[in-house]
Amino acid sequence: MLRTAGTNCDWETAAAWEKAGAIAERIHVNRIAERPGLLHEFQILTIPGGFSYGDDVAAGAVFANELEQRFGEELYRFRDAGKLVLGICNGFQVLVRTGLLPGIGNGERVATLDGNDSGKFEDRWTYLMVDGARCAFTQGMEGTVYFPVAHGEGRFVTSTPEILEALQEGDQIAFRYADKNGKPANGRYPLNPNGSQGDVAGICDPTGRILGMMPHPERHYLALQHPSWTREGLKEEGDGLAVFRSGVRYASQL
């Protein structure tokens, strides 16, 4: 769990990983800078949500630049070793701005996460359709899940329509915004809370081992976190736990 100034979802994310059976460790970016080899002692790298460096330039931009400049080579070695990477909200923004996602286009940055169409910070619960079978973090998941979003820059945009088509054809779109019945939001607000192209809420790279998503699965890994559980009944577990369990299952085979 890589954190820095402004990261504020690391404790919840660590708790979700541990609930799923992992041993989670919160590590400050300075520890990796001091000893880059430390990164390779782990099987899963997670960049949790928050507001790294206050999002002063653009969401995730400063953190992404820091990762590239201070230990970019180690980061790519981690990826090439077949290990897993998960970026949630601000972490998704970081992965896109480093170019690790979507991972097509010869390393060029062909996508971004721009300001919400609503022009405001969106803090609401959203229904998501589990879409991509390629992703290591969604194995065994199907139908719809219910996760909250909390971001000001979550609108997924590609540089050309062809890039979005390539992501669709490559089965790289892991989650899409939807209604409660699992039908596509088709850009309708607030079902699609930010105006993302193609209702994209999360994507993976071509290997399926790197996932970035704007909604927060760690905020619904317990059934008690559901906002309507007292009216609708308490399920055995929160929808988000499946994301972390899938990651643990995959990593256990490494």
Protein backbone atom coordinates (compact mmCIF):
# COMPACT_ATOMS: atom_id res chain seq x y z
CA MET A 1 0.00 0.00 0.00
CA LEU A 2 1.86 3.04 -1.26
CA ARG A 3 1.00 6.32 0.43
CA THR A 4 2.21 9.89 0.42
CA ALA A 5 1.15 13.32 1.62
CA GLY A 6 -2.60 13.63 1.11
CA THR A 7 -3.38 9.91 0.88
CA ASN A 8 -6.36 9.29 3.15
CA CYS A 9 -7.89 5.93 2.21
CA ASP A 10 -4.95 3.72 3.07
CA TRP A 11 -6.27 2.39 6.39
CA GLU A 12 -9.62 1.34 4.91
CA THR A 13 -7.95 -0.25 1.91
CA ALA A 14 -5.53 -2.16 4.13
CA ALA A 15 -8.48 -3.43 6.19
CA ALA A 16 -10.22 -4.66 3.03
CA TRP A 17 -7.09 -6.51 1.88
CA GLU A 18 -6.74 -8.16 5.28
CA LYS A 19 -10.40 -9.14 5.33
CA ALA A 20 -9.76 -10.83 1.98
CA GLY A 21 -6.87 -12.81 3.45
CA ALA A 22 -3.84 -10.70 2.54
CA ILE A 23 -1.15 -9.25 4.79
CA ALA A 24 -1.28 -5.53 4.07
CA GLU A 25 1.47 -3.05 4.82
CA ARG A 26 1.21 0.71 4.48
CA ILE A 27 4.46 2.09 3.05
CA HIS A 28 5.37 5.74 2.55
CA VAL A 29 6.82 6.61 -0.83
CA ASN A 30 10.03 7.80 0.85
CA ARG A 31 10.75 4.26 2.07
CA ILE A 32 10.66 3.00 -1.51
CA ALA A 33 12.86 5.88 -2.64
CA GLU A 34 15.42 4.97 0.03
CA ARG A 35 15.32 1.26 -0.84
CA PRO A 36 13.63 0.63 -4.23
CA GLY A 37 14.14 -3.12 -3.90
CA LEU A 38 11.57 -3.12 -1.09
CA LEU A 39 8.84 -2.96 -3.72
CA HIS A 40 9.71 -6.43 -4.97
CA GLU A 41 9.05 -8.03 -1.59
CA PHE A 42 5.32 -7.74 -2.31
CA GLN A 43 2.94 -9.38 -4.76
CA ILE A 44 0.36 -6.57 -5.01
CA LEU A 45 0.97 -2.85 -5.23
CA THR A 46 -1.98 -0.69 -4.25
CA ILE A 47 -2.23 3.07 -4.67
CA PRO A 48 -5.25 4.05 -2.57
CA GLY A 49 -7.52 7.03 -2.80
CA GLY A 50 -7.11 10.46 -1.33
CA PHE A 51 -5.74 13.75 -2.54
CA SER A 52 -2.04 13.16 -3.06
CA TYR A 53 -0.16 16.43 -2.68
CA GLY A 54 -3.51 18.19 -2.51
CA ASP A 55 -4.15 17.61 -6.22
CA ASP A 56 -2.62 21.08 -6.60
CA VAL A 57 -1.60 20.66 -10.26
CA ALA A 58 -4.11 18.02 -11.36
CA ALA A 59 -5.47 14.98 -9.56
CA GLY A 60 -2.64 12.47 -9.11
CA ALA A 61 -0.24 14.39 -11.37
CA VAL A 62 2.43 15.21 -8.77
CA PHE A 63 2.45 11.70 -7.32
CA ALA A 64 2.63 10.18 -10.82
CA ASN A 65 5.61 12.36 -11.69
CA GLU A 66 7.31 11.42 -8.42
CA LEU A 67 6.90 7.71 -9.10
CA GLU A 68 8.31 8.04 -12.59
CA GLN A 69 11.26 10.20 -11.62
CA ARG A 70 12.30 8.54 -8.35
CA PHE A 71 11.83 4.85 -9.11
CA GLY A 72 10.08 4.42 -12.43
CA GLU A 73 12.40 1.59 -13.45
CA GLU A 74 11.51 -0.42 -10.34
CA LEU A 75 7.81 0.21 -10.94
CA TYR A 76 8.03 -1.23 -14.46
CA ARG A 77 10.11 -4.16 -13.21
CA PHE A 78 7.32 -4.90 -10.71
CA ARG A 79 4.78 -4.87 -13.52
CA ASP A 80 6.90 -7.00 -15.83
CA ALA A 81 7.37 -9.60 -13.07
CA GLY A 82 3.70 -10.52 -13.49
CA LYS A 83 2.53 -8.97 -10.24
CA LEU A 84 -0.69 -7.06 -9.56
CA VAL A 85 -1.32 -3.32 -9.35
CA LEU A 86 -4.54 -1.72 -8.08
CA GLY A 87 -5.25 2.00 -8.19
CA ILE A 88 -8.41 3.35 -6.57
CA CYS A 89 -9.71 6.86 -7.26
CA ASN A 90 -6.59 9.02 -6.85
CA GLY A 91 -4.60 5.84 -7.45
CA PHE A 92 -6.39 5.36 -10.78
CA GLN A 93 -5.49 8.93 -11.70
CA VAL A 94 -1.85 8.21 -10.82
CA LEU A 95 -1.74 5.05 -12.94
CA VAL A 96 -3.21 6.83 -15.94
CA ARG A 97 -0.78 9.71 -15.62
CA THR A 98 2.22 7.39 -15.38
CA GLY A 99 1.06 5.65 -18.56
CA LEU A 100 0.67 2.26 -16.86
CA LEU A 101 -2.98 2.51 -17.86
CA PRO A 102 -4.49 1.86 -20.26
CA GLY A 103 -1.19 0.32 -21.37
CA ILE A 104 -1.72 0.66 -25.12
CA GLY A 105 -0.36 3.09 -27.68
CA ASN A 106 3.39 2.34 -27.36
CA GLY A 107 3.64 3.86 -23.90
CA GLU A 108 2.02 7.13 -24.92
CA ARG A 109 -0.56 8.70 -22.65
CA VAL A 110 -3.72 8.11 -24.63
CA ALA A 111 -6.28 8.71 -21.87
CA THR A 112 -6.87 10.96 -18.90
CA LEU A 113 -9.26 11.56 -16.02
CA ASP A 114 -10.66 15.04 -16.41
CA GLY A 115 -12.98 17.26 -14.38
CA ASN A 116 -16.51 16.00 -13.79
CA ASP A 117 -19.12 17.19 -16.29
CA SER A 118 -21.22 18.39 -13.36
CA GLY A 119 -18.50 20.90 -12.49
CA LYS A 120 -18.52 19.81 -8.86
CA PHE A 121 -17.16 17.18 -6.50
CA GLU A 122 -19.29 14.04 -6.74
CA ASP A 123 -19.83 12.12 -3.51
CA ARG A 124 -22.53 9.49 -4.09
CA TRP A 125 -23.19 5.76 -4.38
CA THR A 126 -23.16 4.28 -7.87
CA TYR A 127 -24.20 1.04 -9.50
CA LEU A 128 -21.56 -0.62 -11.64
CA MET A 129 -21.83 -3.31 -14.25
CA VAL A 130 -18.96 -5.81 -14.08
CA ASP A 131 -17.85 -5.83 -17.69
CA GLY A 132 -14.37 -7.22 -18.32
CA ALA A 133 -13.51 -10.91 -18.02
CA ARG A 134 -9.81 -10.18 -18.66
CA CYS A 135 -9.19 -8.40 -15.34
CA ALA A 136 -7.52 -10.39 -12.53
CA PHE A 137 -9.46 -8.42 -9.92
CA THR A 138 -12.93 -9.25 -11.29
CA GLN A 139 -12.61 -13.01 -11.75
CA GLY A 140 -15.81 -14.68 -10.62
CA MET A 141 -17.69 -11.37 -10.40
CA GLU A 142 -20.79 -10.76 -12.48
CA GLY A 143 -23.90 -8.60 -12.59
CA THR A 144 -23.94 -5.30 -10.74
CA VAL A 145 -22.11 -4.02 -7.68
CA TYR A 146 -22.70 -0.93 -5.55
CA PHE A 147 -19.73 1.30 -4.69
CA PRO A 148 -19.45 4.96 -3.68
CA VAL A 149 -17.52 7.59 -5.63
CA ALA A 150 -15.86 10.69 -4.19
CA HIS A 151 -13.93 12.73 -6.73
CA GLY A 152 -13.74 15.98 -8.65
CA GLU A 153 -11.79 14.65 -11.63
CA GLY A 154 -13.19 11.27 -12.61
CA ARG A 155 -14.32 11.73 -16.21
CA PHE A 156 -12.49 9.11 -18.27
CA VAL A 157 -11.57 10.48 -21.67
CA THR A 158 -9.49 8.96 -24.46
CA SER A 159 -7.43 10.94 -26.96
CA THR A 160 -9.34 9.45 -29.92
CA PRO A 161 -12.52 7.41 -30.38
CA GLU A 162 -10.33 4.60 -31.70
CA ILE A 163 -8.61 4.24 -28.32
CA LEU A 164 -11.95 3.69 -26.57
CA GLU A 165 -12.88 1.15 -29.24
CA ALA A 166 -9.56 -0.64 -28.70
CA LEU A 167 -10.25 -0.86 -24.96
CA GLN A 168 -13.67 -2.32 -25.64
CA GLU A 169 -12.38 -4.81 -28.19
CA GLY A 170 -9.50 -5.78 -25.90
CA ASP A 171 -11.88 -6.48 -23.00
CA GLN A 172 -10.04 -3.87 -20.89
CA ILE A 173 -13.11 -2.11 -19.49
CA ALA A 174 -13.62 -3.74 -16.11
CA PHE A 175 -16.49 -1.64 -14.73
CA ARG A 176 -19.11 0.62 -16.29
CA TYR A 177 -21.60 2.91 -14.61
CA ALA A 178 -25.11 1.47 -14.76
CA ASP A 179 -28.56 1.57 -13.19
CA LYS A 180 -29.63 -0.75 -10.40
CA ASN A 181 -30.78 -3.36 -12.95
CA GLY A 182 -27.40 -3.45 -14.63
CA LYS A 183 -28.42 -1.53 -17.73
CA PRO A 184 -25.84 0.94 -19.10
CA ALA A 185 -26.07 4.48 -17.80
CA ASN A 186 -25.55 5.78 -21.35
CA GLY A 187 -24.02 8.93 -19.96
CA ARG A 188 -27.08 9.84 -17.89
CA TYR A 189 -26.35 11.85 -14.78
CA PRO A 190 -26.18 10.94 -11.92
CA LEU A 191 -26.00 7.25 -12.93
CA ASN A 192 -22.78 8.22 -14.66
CA PRO A 193 -21.58 10.72 -12.06
CA ASN A 194 -18.77 12.32 -14.04
CA GLY A 195 -19.56 12.01 -17.76
CA SER A 196 -17.00 9.30 -18.53
CA GLN A 197 -16.88 8.17 -22.14
CA GLY A 198 -18.55 4.82 -22.59
CA ASP A 199 -19.68 4.94 -18.93
CA VAL A 200 -16.17 3.76 -18.01
CA ALA A 201 -15.67 3.42 -14.25
CA GLY A 202 -12.58 1.18 -14.29
CA ILE A 203 -10.11 -0.25 -16.78
CA CYS A 204 -7.31 -2.80 -16.78
CA ASP A 205 -4.18 -3.04 -18.88
CA PRO A 206 -3.87 -5.64 -21.70
CA THR A 207 -2.49 -8.25 -19.26
CA GLY A 208 -5.45 -7.82 -16.90
CA ARG A 209 -3.06 -7.45 -13.95
CA ILE A 210 -3.28 -3.67 -13.53
CA LEU A 211 -6.67 -2.26 -12.55
CA GLY A 212 -7.64 1.36 -12.05
CA MET A 213 -11.11 2.40 -10.92
CA MET A 214 -12.74 5.58 -9.69
CA PRO A 215 -15.35 4.02 -7.33
CA HIS A 216 -14.17 2.83 -3.92
CA PRO A 217 -14.55 -0.94 -3.30
CA GLU A 218 -12.86 -0.55 0.11
CA ARG A 219 -15.82 1.58 1.23
CA HIS A 220 -18.17 -1.36 0.72
CA TYR A 221 -16.22 -4.43 1.74
CA LEU A 222 -18.42 -4.84 4.84
CA ALA A 223 -22.17 -5.33 4.54
CA LEU A 224 -22.70 -2.71 7.26
CA GLN A 225 -21.23 -0.07 4.94
CA HIS A 226 -24.21 -0.31 2.59
CA PRO A 227 -26.23 2.90 3.05
CA SER A 228 -29.60 1.07 3.05
CA TRP A 229 -28.84 -2.13 4.90
CA THR A 230 -31.34 -1.38 7.68
CA ARG A 231 -34.15 -1.17 5.10
CA GLU A 232 -33.02 -3.76 2.56
CA GLY A 233 -31.50 -6.32 4.91
CA LEU A 234 -27.93 -7.18 5.79
CA LYS A 235 -26.01 -9.26 3.26
CA GLU A 236 -23.17 -11.59 4.23
CA GLU A 237 -20.51 -9.20 2.92
CA GLY A 238 -20.06 -5.99 0.99
CA ASP A 239 -19.77 -6.01 -2.78
CA GLY A 240 -16.25 -4.61 -2.73
CA LEU A 241 -14.72 -7.57 -0.92
CA ALA A 242 -14.87 -9.59 -4.16
CA VAL A 243 -12.33 -7.26 -5.80
CA PHE A 244 -9.80 -7.88 -3.04
CA ARG A 245 -10.50 -11.61 -2.83
CA SER A 246 -9.91 -11.99 -6.54
CA GLY A 247 -6.59 -10.20 -6.17
CA VAL A 248 -5.54 -12.46 -3.30
CA ARG A 249 -6.47 -15.60 -5.25
CA TYR A 250 -4.44 -14.49 -8.23
CA ALA A 251 -1.43 -13.38 -6.15
CA SER A 252 -1.40 -16.66 -4.23
CA GLN A 253 -0.51 -18.42 -7.48
CA LEU A 254 2.53 -16.24 -8.18
